[in-house]
Amino acid sequence: MTTPALVLGPMMRYVDETSASIWVETRDAALVTVKTSAGEWGVPTFAVHGHHYALVEVDGLGPGTVTPYTVEINGTHVWPAPEQRGVDGSNPDGQFPPPVIATLNPGKPLRLAYGSCRTSVPHDAAGNRSHGVDSLRAYALNMISGSSEPWPDLVAFLGDQVYADSTSKQMQEFIKARRDIKAPPGEELKDYEEYAHLYYLAWSDPANRWLLSTLPSAMIFDDHDIRDDWNASRSWRQAMQDVPWWRGRIKAGLASYWVYQHLGNLSPQERAADPVWQKVAAHRDGQELDLSDDLDSLAERANRDPESYRWSYSRDFGDTRLIVVDSRAARNLDPDRRALLDDVEMAWLDERMQGGLRHVLVATSLPFLLPMGLHHLESWDEAISEGAWGKPAARAGEKLRQAADLEHWAAFQKSFRQVAAMAVEVADGKRGPAPETITFLSGDVHFSYVSEVERSSGSRIIQAVCSPIRNPLPRVMRSFGALMSYGLAAPVGAAVARSAKVQDPPFRWSGINGPWFDNNLACLEVVPEGLRLWWQKGVVDGGDHLHPRLERVAEMTVARRKTGEPARERL
C-alpha cells in the first residue's frame, strides 16, 4: 500500500465572508479532507489524464476570522507536513506558520497584491543571475518572517503564470525523459502530462507553496500560458492550425488551465453552474470520476468557438469591484469583426462597468493604456496589417506585429474605443454615481508604470502595471520601453498613426510614475484618501540567494479628485 501524498497544494483559492475553496493535487485517487477546529469537509478526487485533483469547499465559517487548517488524504495527515522544512534553505528552522483560512470581513477595505510574468527556475545564484530574484518568493519569506505588514485579501496573477513555449532546463529534462526533444514541438510543451509538470515546477518551492496555501488567489492567462502571440491575428491563428502538434497543445493548455487556474477562480455558485463541475458534484458511484474527455472537449470547443465558454469573472469586495477580463481567448479575429473581446464578452464587461461603487478595478493581462508612443505604433501597425496601405504593406505589418508583440488593446482599436467609452461613462456618472477611480491593473510588458487619463472632473482613470514577477527584460529592450514612454515617441507615433488614417484616441493620458524594470509584486489598498499603490522586489544581501529581503521600489497614493483639481498626481 502506498503512503498518501500531496503532489501540489493545498492552494487557497476563492474565499468570501463564510466559505473557502482549497485545491490540491494528489498522487493517487483518494478522499481529501480539510479540517479546522470548527469541523471537517471531505471530497473524493477526480482524474484528468492520469492526475488526481480535489477542490474542497469549506463553508459555515465566520466573517473576518483567521482559522488554521490541516489536510488529510484517506484519513492520513499530510499538511502541514514535517518534511516541509524548507529543504532548499528557505526556512532553516523548519517552522513555516500554519496555513490559515482568512475570511473576508464585511466593510473592510480591499487589500490586493498583483503581478504577472513569472518564470520557474531555481532560486540559487545561477537562477537569480539569469532571471532575477523571484519577487513572489521574497514576499512569501517576508510573510513567513512575521512582518507587521497586513496580509492581502487576495493575490491576483495576471498572466504568464507558466511559460509553455520557453522552458527551463528542469522542464527540458522532464521532456527528454519521455520523448525526443529534437522532434516538434521540441523544447515547448506537447501535452497535458507536460503541463502538469510545468505547474509543479511553478508552485512547489516551499516558501511559495506556503504562501499559496494561505493567501487566496485569482488568476487569468496570457499568451505564454499557451504560446507567444496567442491569437495575435487571423494570420497567426491560421498558421498555427497547420502545425501538426498545435491541436494537442491548445487542448492540453486550456484543459490544464481549467484544472490548475480557472476552477479556483469561481465562487461556489459559479462552479455550480459550470457544466463540467456539475459532473463532479453529481458523481456518486464510488469510482473516481475521469474528466479527461470532458475537459478535452471543452478545450477544443472553447478554442473553436470562444463565445461557448467564459474565462472572465467579476467579484465585489464591499464598495470595490474587481473585473478580471480574458483578453486572449475571447478575441474575434475575423477581419470584418476584429475585436479583442467578441460581442458576447464585450456585453458581459459592459454590464459590469457600473458606478455606485467607490473603486472599479479592471484586471486585464494586457495594459489598456500603453505608453502613448507605443499605443500609436500598435494602432498604426493594426491599420496597415489589415490593408490600409495595400497587400505588400499588410504582409510587412503582420511580420512586425508578431515579431514585436504589437497586439495589445491598442492594436484592436474597435475594442479599445468601446472600453474607453465605457470607462468615461462610468467616470462621468452616466452609469450610476461616479466612483473615485476606474483603475486598470495589468502586466505583460515586463516593465511597471502608472499612467492617468487627462481629465478635470469626474473619476480618475488610471493604468497601473506590475510586470514581471520574475522574468526581467534584457537591457536593450528596457531602452526601447523607456523610449516609448517618454520624449518624442507620442507626437511622432501620433503622426505615423494618422498617416494610416487611424483616429486619434478618445482622450489623452500620460505617465505619472515609472517606468521601472525590476522584478516586482505590486500591492493596492483602498484607504480613506483613495488608492494606495506600492511595488516591491527581492534583494539578495551577502550572497544569500535563498533568503532575499523585500524592498519597496515605488509607492504612491491616487487620491480622489477635488472639484477643479488638475489631473496630475502628486508623488
Protein backbone atom coordinates (compact mmCIF):
# COMPACT_ATOMS: atom_id res chain seq x y z
CA MET A 1 0.00 0.00 0.00
CA THR A 2 1.37 3.43 -0.96
CA THR A 3 1.61 6.26 1.53
CA PRO A 4 -0.93 9.05 0.80
CA ALA A 5 0.81 12.05 -0.69
CA LEU A 6 0.16 15.52 -1.99
CA VAL A 7 1.75 16.44 -5.30
CA LEU A 8 0.76 20.12 -5.22
CA GLY A 9 -1.13 22.32 -2.84
CA PRO A 10 -3.00 22.93 -0.80
CA MET A 11 -3.80 26.17 -2.61
CA MET A 12 -6.19 28.69 -1.11
CA ARG A 13 -8.39 29.88 -3.96
CA TYR A 14 -11.81 31.61 -3.78
CA VAL A 15 -12.57 32.93 -0.29
CA ASP A 16 -15.51 35.10 0.80
CA GLU A 17 -17.05 36.01 4.17
CA THR A 18 -18.14 32.47 5.10
CA SER A 19 -16.52 29.98 2.69
CA ALA A 20 -13.21 28.95 1.17
CA SER A 21 -12.17 26.77 -1.76
CA ILE A 22 -9.00 24.72 -1.23
CA TRP A 23 -7.40 22.96 -4.22
CA VAL A 24 -4.98 20.01 -4.14
CA GLU A 25 -3.32 17.57 -6.50
CA THR A 26 -2.71 14.10 -5.05
CA ARG A 27 -0.53 11.22 -6.17
CA ASP A 28 -3.42 8.72 -6.26
CA ALA A 29 -7.20 8.56 -6.23
CA ALA A 30 -8.25 9.45 -2.70
CA LEU A 31 -10.62 11.12 -0.28
CA VAL A 32 -9.28 14.59 0.58
CA THR A 33 -10.39 16.14 3.87
CA VAL A 34 -9.82 19.66 5.17
CA LYS A 35 -10.10 20.00 8.95
CA THR A 36 -10.43 23.06 11.20
CA SER A 37 -11.40 23.48 14.83
CA ALA A 38 -14.96 24.08 13.59
CA GLY A 39 -15.41 20.93 11.52
CA GLU A 40 -14.24 18.90 8.53
CA TRP A 41 -15.09 18.73 4.84
CA GLY A 42 -14.15 15.81 2.60
CA VAL A 43 -14.45 15.14 -1.15
CA PRO A 44 -13.15 12.43 -3.49
CA THR A 45 -10.60 13.30 -6.15
CA PHE A 46 -11.39 13.49 -9.85
CA ALA A 47 -8.94 12.44 -12.55
CA VAL A 48 -7.59 14.16 -15.66
CA HIS A 49 -5.12 12.27 -17.87
CA GLY A 50 -3.78 10.19 -15.00
CA HIS A 51 -3.55 13.06 -12.48
CA HIS A 52 -5.78 13.39 -9.42
CA TYR A 53 -7.33 16.57 -8.04
CA ALA A 54 -9.77 17.78 -5.44
CA LEU A 55 -11.33 21.12 -4.67
CA VAL A 56 -12.73 21.19 -1.15
CA GLU A 57 -15.44 23.76 -0.41
CA VAL A 58 -15.25 24.76 3.25
CA ASP A 59 -18.35 26.60 4.43
CA GLY A 60 -20.07 27.88 7.56
CA LEU A 61 -17.09 29.99 8.61
CA GLY A 62 -17.36 33.26 10.49
CA PRO A 63 -16.75 36.57 8.67
CA GLY A 64 -13.39 38.15 9.36
CA THR A 65 -11.94 35.07 11.03
CA VAL A 66 -8.49 33.50 10.69
CA THR A 67 -8.66 29.72 11.08
CA PRO A 68 -5.75 27.26 10.86
CA TYR A 69 -6.49 24.15 8.84
CA THR A 70 -4.98 20.76 8.08
CA VAL A 71 -5.33 18.39 5.12
CA GLU A 72 -5.77 14.61 5.24
CA ILE A 73 -5.67 12.06 2.43
CA ASN A 74 -7.63 8.87 3.17
CA GLY A 75 -7.54 9.80 6.85
CA THR A 76 -3.77 10.35 6.99
CA HIS A 77 -2.46 13.80 7.90
CA VAL A 78 -0.40 15.23 5.01
CA TRP A 79 -0.40 19.01 5.55
CA PRO A 80 1.31 20.78 7.23
CA ALA A 81 3.91 18.07 6.67
CA PRO A 82 7.02 17.52 8.80
CA GLU A 83 9.15 17.30 5.67
CA GLN A 84 8.06 20.80 4.57
CA ARG A 85 11.09 22.26 6.31
CA GLY A 86 12.39 24.40 3.51
CA VAL A 87 14.79 21.81 2.14
CA ASP A 88 16.22 24.49 -0.11
CA GLY A 89 17.15 26.55 2.94
CA SER A 90 14.21 28.94 2.63
CA ASN A 91 13.17 28.22 6.21
CA PRO A 92 16.16 26.79 8.09
CA ASP A 93 14.31 26.42 11.38
CA GLY A 94 11.68 24.23 9.74
CA GLN A 95 8.83 26.31 11.13
CA PHE A 96 6.50 27.61 8.48
CA PRO A 97 3.48 29.26 10.09
CA PRO A 98 0.36 27.07 9.93
CA PRO A 99 -1.74 27.60 6.80
CA VAL A 100 -4.91 29.50 7.56
CA ILE A 101 -8.28 30.38 6.07
CA ALA A 102 -8.74 34.15 6.39
CA THR A 103 -12.33 35.01 5.53
CA LEU A 104 -13.32 38.45 4.32
CA ASN A 105 -14.53 40.97 6.86
CA PRO A 106 -17.57 42.91 5.56
CA GLY A 107 -16.78 46.60 5.40
CA LYS A 108 -13.01 46.11 5.49
CA PRO A 109 -11.32 47.99 2.60
CA LEU A 110 -9.75 45.74 -0.02
CA ARG A 111 -6.03 45.00 0.09
CA LEU A 112 -4.80 43.30 -3.09
CA ALA A 113 -1.43 42.04 -4.36
CA TYR A 114 -0.95 41.54 -8.10
CA GLY A 115 1.57 40.98 -10.87
CA SER A 116 2.32 38.91 -13.96
CA CYS A 117 5.02 37.03 -15.84
CA ARG A 118 6.79 34.55 -13.57
CA THR A 119 9.32 32.01 -14.82
CA SER A 120 10.08 28.87 -12.83
CA VAL A 121 13.82 28.39 -12.46
CA PRO A 122 15.83 27.54 -9.31
CA HIS A 123 16.24 30.21 -6.64
CA ASP A 124 20.01 29.84 -6.45
CA ALA A 125 22.74 32.18 -7.68
CA ALA A 126 22.52 30.94 -11.27
CA GLY A 127 18.74 31.27 -11.39
CA ASN A 128 18.82 34.73 -9.87
CA ARG A 129 21.56 35.78 -12.26
CA SER A 130 19.56 34.75 -15.34
CA HIS A 131 16.02 35.61 -14.19
CA GLY A 132 16.41 37.89 -11.18
CA VAL A 133 15.07 37.33 -7.69
CA ASP A 134 11.54 35.93 -7.54
CA SER A 135 9.56 38.80 -6.02
CA LEU A 136 6.71 36.46 -5.07
CA ARG A 137 9.08 34.30 -3.08
CA ALA A 138 10.65 37.35 -1.41
CA TYR A 139 7.12 38.41 -0.45
CA ALA A 140 6.41 34.93 0.94
CA LEU A 141 9.58 34.96 3.04
CA ASN A 142 8.63 38.38 4.37
CA MET A 143 5.25 37.00 5.44
CA ILE A 144 6.87 33.92 7.00
CA SER A 145 9.26 36.12 8.99
CA GLY A 146 6.31 37.67 10.81
CA SER A 147 6.31 41.07 9.11
CA SER A 148 3.90 43.51 10.71
CA GLU A 149 2.51 44.48 7.29
CA PRO A 150 -1.10 43.24 6.95
CA TRP A 151 -1.62 40.36 4.56
CA PRO A 152 -3.55 40.93 1.31
CA ASP A 153 -7.11 39.70 1.00
CA LEU A 154 -6.22 38.33 -2.44
CA VAL A 155 -3.24 37.92 -4.76
CA ALA A 156 -4.13 38.27 -8.46
CA PHE A 157 -1.85 36.64 -11.03
CA LEU A 158 -2.46 38.48 -14.31
CA GLY A 159 -0.97 36.19 -16.92
CA ASP A 160 2.02 34.06 -17.84
CA GLN A 161 1.82 32.03 -14.65
CA VAL A 162 3.70 29.37 -16.64
CA TYR A 163 5.76 29.53 -19.83
CA ALA A 164 4.74 26.71 -22.15
CA ASP A 165 6.89 27.96 -25.02
CA SER A 166 10.09 28.99 -23.23
CA THR A 167 11.01 26.16 -20.89
CA SER A 168 13.64 25.87 -18.19
CA LYS A 169 16.43 23.29 -18.07
CA GLN A 170 14.44 21.41 -15.42
CA MET A 171 11.38 21.23 -17.69
CA GLN A 172 13.53 20.18 -20.65
CA GLU A 173 15.00 17.31 -18.63
CA PHE A 174 11.46 16.09 -17.96
CA ILE A 175 10.63 16.33 -21.68
CA LYS A 176 13.80 14.43 -22.67
CA ALA A 177 12.85 11.60 -20.34
CA ARG A 178 9.60 10.95 -22.21
CA ARG A 179 10.10 11.94 -25.88
CA ASP A 180 12.60 13.11 -28.47
CA ILE A 181 13.14 16.78 -27.61
CA LYS A 182 14.60 17.41 -31.06
CA ALA A 183 11.29 16.49 -32.73
CA PRO A 184 8.47 19.08 -32.85
CA PRO A 185 7.42 20.77 -30.64
CA GLY A 186 10.95 20.47 -29.29
CA GLU A 187 11.54 22.26 -26.01
CA GLU A 188 7.96 23.55 -25.95
CA LEU A 189 5.14 21.69 -24.22
CA LYS A 190 3.27 19.00 -26.10
CA ASP A 191 0.53 17.53 -23.92
CA TYR A 192 -1.28 17.53 -20.58
CA GLU A 193 1.42 15.49 -18.82
CA GLU A 194 4.00 18.16 -19.60
CA TYR A 195 1.67 20.96 -18.49
CA ALA A 196 1.13 19.16 -15.17
CA HIS A 197 4.89 19.03 -14.59
CA LEU A 198 5.27 22.69 -15.57
CA TYR A 199 2.72 23.69 -12.93
CA TYR A 200 4.56 21.52 -10.42
CA LEU A 201 7.80 23.38 -11.11
CA ALA A 202 6.00 26.72 -10.80
CA TRP A 203 4.28 26.07 -7.47
CA SER A 204 6.32 23.55 -5.47
CA ASP A 205 9.04 25.78 -3.96
CA PRO A 206 8.44 25.51 -0.18
CA ALA A 207 8.11 29.24 0.52
CA ASN A 208 5.82 29.91 -2.41
CA ARG A 209 3.86 26.78 -1.63
CA TRP A 210 3.23 28.06 1.87
CA LEU A 211 2.13 31.46 0.53
CA LEU A 212 -0.29 29.82 -1.92
CA SER A 213 -1.70 27.65 0.89
CA THR A 214 -2.65 30.77 2.87
CA LEU A 215 -3.31 33.72 0.54
CA PRO A 216 -6.48 33.47 -1.59
CA SER A 217 -5.57 33.71 -5.27
CA ALA A 218 -7.22 34.67 -8.55
CA MET A 219 -5.70 34.07 -11.99
CA ILE A 220 -6.10 34.78 -15.69
CA PHE A 221 -3.97 33.54 -18.58
CA ASP A 222 -1.92 35.47 -21.10
CA ASP A 223 -0.16 34.24 -24.22
CA HIS A 224 2.77 32.30 -22.73
CA ASP A 225 0.41 30.11 -20.71
CA ILE A 226 -0.35 28.76 -24.19
CA ARG A 227 2.17 30.20 -26.70
CA ASP A 228 3.76 33.55 -27.57
CA ASP A 229 1.41 35.84 -29.55
CA TRP A 230 -1.55 33.52 -28.88
CA ASN A 231 -4.42 34.82 -31.05
CA ALA A 232 -2.46 37.86 -32.22
CA SER A 233 -4.24 37.84 -35.58
CA ARG A 234 -6.12 35.66 -38.04
CA SER A 235 -2.85 35.04 -39.89
CA TRP A 236 -1.21 33.78 -36.69
CA ARG A 237 -4.16 31.51 -35.94
CA GLN A 238 -4.30 30.10 -39.47
CA ALA A 239 -0.58 29.38 -39.45
CA MET A 240 -0.82 27.54 -36.12
CA GLN A 241 -3.78 25.45 -37.27
CA ASP A 242 -1.50 23.99 -39.94
CA VAL A 243 1.12 22.95 -37.36
CA PRO A 244 0.68 19.20 -36.66
CA TRP A 245 1.19 19.42 -32.89
CA TRP A 246 -0.90 22.55 -32.30
CA ARG A 247 -4.24 20.85 -31.75
CA GLY A 248 -2.79 18.76 -28.92
CA ARG A 249 -1.07 21.81 -27.44
CA ILE A 250 -4.12 24.10 -27.30
CA LYS A 251 -6.27 21.26 -25.99
CA ALA A 252 -3.79 20.47 -23.21
CA GLY A 253 -3.20 24.14 -22.44
CA LEU A 254 -6.85 25.04 -21.96
CA ALA A 255 -7.77 21.78 -20.20
CA SER A 256 -4.93 22.19 -17.70
CA TYR A 257 -5.80 25.87 -17.28
CA TRP A 258 -9.34 24.86 -16.26
CA VAL A 259 -7.92 22.49 -13.62
CA TYR A 260 -4.97 24.44 -12.25
CA GLN A 261 -6.17 28.04 -12.59
CA HIS A 262 -9.77 28.63 -13.67
CA LEU A 263 -11.63 26.28 -11.32
CA GLY A 264 -10.41 28.08 -8.22
CA ASN A 265 -11.36 31.50 -9.61
CA LEU A 266 -15.04 30.67 -9.34
CA SER A 267 -17.37 31.15 -6.41
CA PRO A 268 -19.30 28.05 -5.24
CA GLN A 269 -22.35 29.42 -7.06
CA GLU A 270 -20.40 29.94 -10.31
CA ARG A 271 -18.89 26.47 -10.08
CA ALA A 272 -22.33 25.00 -9.57
CA ALA A 273 -23.33 26.49 -12.94
CA ASP A 274 -20.28 25.09 -14.77
CA PRO A 275 -21.32 22.02 -16.82
CA VAL A 276 -18.07 20.14 -16.17
CA TRP A 277 -18.13 20.83 -12.43
CA GLN A 278 -21.75 19.68 -12.33
CA LYS A 279 -20.47 16.21 -13.23
CA VAL A 280 -18.05 16.33 -10.30
CA ALA A 281 -20.74 17.49 -7.88
CA ALA A 282 -23.22 14.85 -9.03
CA HIS A 283 -20.80 11.90 -9.08
CA ARG A 284 -21.77 9.24 -6.52
CA ASP A 285 -20.81 5.75 -7.78
CA GLY A 286 -17.67 5.33 -5.64
CA GLN A 287 -15.21 5.15 -8.52
CA GLU A 288 -13.02 8.16 -9.26
CA LEU A 289 -14.60 10.33 -11.94
CA ASP A 290 -12.39 10.80 -15.01
CA LEU A 291 -12.88 14.22 -16.64
CA SER A 292 -10.27 13.77 -19.38
CA ASP A 293 -12.69 13.54 -22.28
CA ASP A 294 -14.95 16.27 -20.88
CA LEU A 295 -12.11 18.76 -20.49
CA ASP A 296 -10.57 17.88 -23.85
CA SER A 297 -13.94 18.55 -25.47
CA LEU A 298 -14.42 21.78 -23.54
CA ALA A 299 -10.95 22.99 -24.55
CA GLU A 300 -11.45 22.22 -28.23
CA ARG A 301 -14.88 23.85 -28.23
CA ALA A 302 -13.67 26.95 -26.37
CA ASN A 303 -10.79 27.34 -28.81
CA ARG A 304 -13.02 26.87 -31.84
CA ASP A 305 -15.92 28.99 -30.54
CA PRO A 306 -14.82 31.47 -27.83
CA GLU A 307 -18.43 32.50 -27.18
CA SER A 308 -19.17 28.98 -25.91
CA TYR A 309 -17.23 29.38 -22.64
CA ARG A 310 -16.27 32.31 -20.43
CA TRP A 311 -12.94 32.57 -18.64
CA SER A 312 -13.56 36.12 -17.30
CA TYR A 313 -15.09 36.69 -13.87
CA SER A 314 -16.04 39.52 -11.52
CA ARG A 315 -16.13 39.99 -7.74
CA ASP A 316 -17.24 42.73 -5.39
CA PHE A 317 -15.25 43.42 -2.22
CA GLY A 318 -17.56 45.78 -0.37
CA ASP A 319 -17.52 49.06 -2.30
CA THR A 320 -14.78 47.90 -4.71
CA ARG A 321 -15.41 45.83 -7.82
CA LEU A 322 -12.73 43.65 -9.41
CA ILE A 323 -13.44 42.65 -13.02
CA VAL A 324 -10.95 40.11 -14.42
CA VAL A 325 -11.06 40.15 -18.22
CA ASP A 326 -9.95 37.43 -20.63
CA SER A 327 -8.07 39.38 -23.27
CA ARG A 328 -6.68 36.32 -25.11
CA ALA A 329 -9.19 33.55 -25.76
CA ALA A 330 -12.23 35.81 -26.26
CA ARG A 331 -10.88 37.52 -29.39
CA ASN A 332 -12.70 37.68 -32.72
CA LEU A 333 -10.06 37.57 -35.46
CA ASP A 334 -12.37 37.84 -38.46
CA PRO A 335 -11.06 40.92 -40.35
CA ASP A 336 -14.58 42.32 -40.66
CA ARG A 337 -15.28 41.91 -36.93
CA ARG A 338 -11.76 42.06 -35.46
CA ALA A 339 -12.03 42.62 -31.71
CA LEU A 340 -10.05 41.93 -28.57
CA LEU A 341 -13.33 40.91 -26.92
CA ASP A 342 -16.02 39.26 -29.01
CA ASP A 343 -19.58 40.60 -28.87
CA VAL A 344 -20.70 38.31 -26.05
CA GLU A 345 -17.66 39.07 -23.90
CA MET A 346 -17.94 42.81 -24.54
CA ALA A 347 -21.60 42.75 -23.49
CA TRP A 348 -20.61 40.91 -20.30
CA LEU A 349 -17.99 43.57 -19.50
CA ASP A 350 -20.45 46.36 -20.35
CA GLU A 351 -22.91 45.03 -17.75
CA ARG A 352 -20.26 45.15 -15.04
CA MET A 353 -18.79 48.56 -15.81
CA GLN A 354 -21.10 50.46 -13.48
CA GLY A 355 -20.98 53.29 -10.98
CA GLY A 356 -22.32 53.26 -7.46
CA LEU A 357 -19.01 51.85 -6.18
CA ARG A 358 -16.02 53.56 -4.63
CA HIS A 359 -13.49 51.95 -6.97
CA VAL A 360 -13.77 49.90 -10.16
CA LEU A 361 -10.72 47.71 -10.84
CA VAL A 362 -10.40 46.18 -14.31
CA ALA A 363 -7.73 43.46 -14.33
CA THR A 364 -6.59 42.59 -17.85
CA SER A 365 -3.29 40.88 -18.59
CA LEU A 366 -2.59 43.38 -21.39
CA PRO A 367 -2.26 47.07 -20.43
CA PHE A 368 -5.27 49.05 -21.60
CA LEU A 369 -3.25 52.28 -21.59
CA LEU A 370 0.19 51.65 -23.04
CA PRO A 371 2.72 54.48 -23.12
CA MET A 372 1.28 56.72 -25.83
CA GLY A 373 4.15 56.26 -28.28
CA LEU A 374 3.70 52.51 -28.15
CA HIS A 375 -0.10 52.88 -28.38
CA HIS A 376 0.21 54.85 -31.62
CA LEU A 377 2.72 52.35 -33.04
CA GLU A 378 0.35 49.44 -32.39
CA SER A 379 -2.69 51.24 -33.79
CA TRP A 380 -0.69 52.10 -36.94
CA ASP A 381 0.52 48.52 -37.31
CA GLU A 382 -3.03 47.19 -36.99
CA ALA A 383 -4.19 49.53 -39.75
CA ILE A 384 -1.50 48.57 -42.23
CA SER A 385 -1.70 44.86 -41.30
CA GLU A 386 -5.40 44.97 -42.12
CA GLY A 387 -4.72 46.55 -45.52
CA ALA A 388 -4.66 50.35 -45.10
CA TRP A 389 -1.54 50.61 -47.31
CA GLY A 390 -2.18 47.62 -49.57
CA LYS A 391 -1.18 43.95 -49.55
CA PRO A 392 2.65 44.27 -49.52
CA ALA A 393 2.49 46.63 -46.53
CA ALA A 394 -0.04 44.32 -44.88
CA ARG A 395 2.40 41.42 -45.07
CA ALA A 396 5.17 43.58 -43.60
CA GLY A 397 2.83 44.84 -40.87
CA GLU A 398 1.87 41.29 -39.92
CA LYS A 399 5.51 40.27 -39.63
CA LEU A 400 6.19 43.31 -37.43
CA ARG A 401 3.10 42.60 -35.31
CA GLN A 402 4.29 39.10 -34.45
CA ALA A 403 7.98 39.95 -34.14
CA ALA A 404 7.44 42.89 -31.78
CA ASP A 405 4.30 41.63 -29.94
CA LEU A 406 2.18 44.52 -31.23
CA GLU A 407 -1.16 43.00 -30.24
CA HIS A 408 -2.36 44.78 -27.11
CA TRP A 409 -5.60 46.75 -26.72
CA ALA A 410 -4.11 49.50 -28.90
CA ALA A 411 -3.89 47.01 -31.79
CA PHE A 412 -7.62 46.34 -31.52
CA GLN A 413 -8.90 49.86 -31.97
CA LYS A 414 -12.57 48.93 -32.12
CA SER A 415 -12.39 47.24 -28.71
CA PHE A 416 -10.15 49.93 -27.25
CA ARG A 417 -12.67 52.63 -28.12
CA GLN A 418 -15.62 50.63 -26.81
CA VAL A 419 -13.99 50.10 -23.42
CA ALA A 420 -12.71 53.69 -23.32
CA ALA A 421 -16.30 54.87 -23.84
CA MET A 422 -17.49 52.63 -21.00
CA ALA A 423 -14.80 53.94 -18.66
CA VAL A 424 -15.64 57.58 -19.47
CA GLU A 425 -19.36 56.98 -18.93
CA VAL A 426 -18.66 55.42 -15.55
CA ALA A 427 -16.25 58.24 -14.68
CA ASP A 428 -18.79 60.91 -15.69
CA GLY A 429 -21.57 59.41 -13.58
CA LYS A 430 -23.65 58.22 -16.53
CA ARG A 431 -23.84 54.67 -15.18
CA GLY A 432 -24.65 55.48 -11.59
CA PRO A 433 -22.79 57.65 -9.09
CA ALA A 434 -19.21 58.15 -10.29
CA PRO A 435 -16.57 56.17 -8.35
CA GLU A 436 -13.35 57.74 -7.15
CA THR A 437 -11.29 55.76 -9.66
CA ILE A 438 -11.52 53.38 -12.58
CA THR A 439 -8.17 51.57 -12.41
CA PHE A 440 -6.83 49.14 -14.99
CA LEU A 441 -4.48 46.57 -13.42
CA SER A 442 -2.21 44.83 -15.92
CA GLY A 443 1.08 43.09 -16.61
CA ASP A 444 2.66 41.54 -19.74
CA VAL A 445 5.09 44.27 -20.87
CA HIS A 446 7.93 43.44 -18.42
CA PHE A 447 8.15 46.94 -17.01
CA SER A 448 5.96 48.69 -14.46
CA TYR A 449 4.41 52.13 -14.63
CA VAL A 450 1.35 54.22 -13.78
CA SER A 451 -0.49 56.41 -16.28
CA GLU A 452 -3.55 58.63 -15.97
CA VAL A 453 -6.14 59.92 -18.41
CA GLU A 454 -6.11 63.72 -18.53
CA ARG A 455 -9.44 64.81 -17.06
CA SER A 456 -10.51 67.80 -14.99
CA SER A 457 -13.66 66.33 -13.43
CA GLY A 458 -15.30 63.06 -12.51
CA SER A 459 -13.48 59.85 -11.66
CA ARG A 460 -9.77 59.44 -12.19
CA ILE A 461 -8.95 56.83 -14.87
CA ILE A 462 -5.68 55.08 -14.04
CA GLN A 463 -3.47 52.38 -15.54
CA ALA A 464 -1.24 50.57 -13.01
CA VAL A 465 1.08 47.90 -14.42
CA CYS A 466 3.14 45.36 -12.48
CA SER A 467 5.35 43.15 -14.63
CA PRO A 468 7.34 40.96 -14.29
CA ILE A 469 7.17 38.97 -11.06
CA ARG A 470 10.24 37.09 -12.30
CA ASN A 471 11.33 37.47 -15.92
CA PRO A 472 13.20 40.75 -16.49
CA LEU A 473 13.65 42.38 -19.89
CA PRO A 474 17.10 42.36 -21.50
CA ARG A 475 18.71 45.79 -21.17
CA VAL A 476 18.35 46.62 -24.85
CA MET A 477 14.59 46.08 -24.55
CA ARG A 478 14.49 48.25 -21.44
CA SER A 479 15.82 51.12 -23.54
CA PHE A 480 13.04 50.55 -26.05
CA GLY A 481 10.42 50.60 -23.28
CA ALA A 482 11.79 53.84 -21.89
CA LEU A 483 11.90 55.37 -25.38
CA MET A 484 8.25 54.52 -25.94
CA SER A 485 7.33 56.10 -22.60
CA TYR A 486 8.99 59.49 -22.90
CA GLY A 487 10.14 62.20 -25.26
CA LEU A 488 9.08 62.46 -28.87
CA ALA A 489 7.57 58.97 -29.09
CA ALA A 490 4.00 60.17 -28.54
CA PRO A 491 3.83 63.02 -31.11
CA VAL A 492 5.84 61.10 -33.69
CA GLY A 493 3.73 58.00 -33.13
CA ALA A 494 0.53 60.02 -33.47
CA ALA A 495 1.67 61.40 -36.82
CA VAL A 496 2.53 57.91 -38.08
CA ALA A 497 -0.86 56.57 -36.96
CA ARG A 498 -2.71 59.41 -38.68
CA SER A 499 -0.82 58.60 -41.90
CA ALA A 500 -2.68 55.27 -41.90
CA LYS A 501 -5.99 57.06 -41.19
CA VAL A 502 -6.15 55.90 -37.57
CA GLN A 503 -8.40 58.15 -35.50
CA ASP A 504 -6.85 59.94 -32.55
CA PRO A 505 -7.60 58.28 -29.19
CA PRO A 506 -10.79 59.49 -27.50
CA PHE A 507 -8.72 61.00 -24.68
CA ARG A 508 -5.09 61.70 -23.77
CA TRP A 509 -3.10 60.11 -21.00
CA SER A 510 0.42 60.41 -19.68
CA GLY A 511 2.76 58.68 -17.26
CA ILE A 512 2.67 59.73 -13.63
CA ASN A 513 5.15 57.16 -12.27
CA GLY A 514 7.75 54.89 -13.86
CA PRO A 515 8.77 53.04 -15.84
CA TRP A 516 10.91 50.72 -13.74
CA PHE A 517 12.16 47.29 -14.73
CA ASP A 518 12.69 45.33 -11.53
CA ASN A 519 11.03 42.01 -10.83
CA ASN A 520 8.09 43.23 -8.76
CA LEU A 521 4.96 42.28 -6.88
CA ALA A 522 2.57 45.22 -6.55
CA CYS A 523 0.10 45.89 -3.77
CA LEU A 524 -3.02 48.02 -3.76
CA GLU A 525 -5.02 49.15 -0.76
CA VAL A 526 -8.22 51.14 -0.50
CA VAL A 527 -7.50 53.91 2.00
CA PRO A 528 -9.52 56.96 3.12
CA GLU A 529 -7.64 59.21 0.66
CA GLY A 530 -8.21 56.91 -2.33
CA LEU A 531 -5.97 54.08 -3.59
CA ARG A 532 -2.51 53.42 -2.19
CA LEU A 533 -0.17 51.53 -4.52
CA TRP A 534 3.33 50.20 -4.00
CA TRP A 535 5.77 47.84 -5.76
CA GLN A 536 8.25 45.53 -4.01
CA LYS A 537 11.21 43.46 -5.16
CA GLY A 538 13.53 40.86 -3.66
CA VAL A 539 17.11 41.85 -2.85
CA VAL A 540 19.97 39.44 -2.11
CA ASP A 541 22.39 40.51 0.62
CA GLY A 542 25.80 38.97 1.22
CA GLY A 543 25.34 36.30 -1.43
CA ASP A 544 22.47 34.66 0.50
CA HIS A 545 20.31 33.89 -2.53
CA LEU A 546 17.89 31.67 -0.61
CA HIS A 547 16.82 34.45 1.76
CA PRO A 548 16.17 37.63 -0.24
CA ARG A 549 14.73 40.54 1.66
CA LEU A 550 11.78 42.56 0.43
CA GLU A 551 12.48 46.13 -0.67
CA ARG A 552 10.00 48.79 -1.77
CA VAL A 553 10.68 50.11 -5.28
CA ALA A 554 7.97 52.76 -5.64
CA GLU A 555 4.80 53.91 -3.92
CA MET A 556 2.09 56.47 -4.48
CA THR A 557 -1.44 57.38 -3.47
CA VAL A 558 -4.09 58.07 -6.08
CA ALA A 559 -6.32 60.46 -4.16
CA ARG A 560 -9.90 61.25 -5.04
CA ARG A 561 -10.12 64.32 -7.23
CA LYS A 562 -11.40 67.54 -5.77
CA THR A 563 -13.56 69.76 -7.93
CA GLY A 564 -11.38 71.67 -10.39
CA GLU A 565 -8.21 69.81 -9.40
CA PRO A 566 -5.83 69.24 -12.34
CA ALA A 567 -5.39 65.63 -13.45
CA ARG A 568 -1.82 65.19 -12.24
CA GLU A 569 -0.82 63.08 -9.26
CA ARG A 570 1.48 64.42 -6.57
CA LEU A 571 4.19 61.85 -5.96
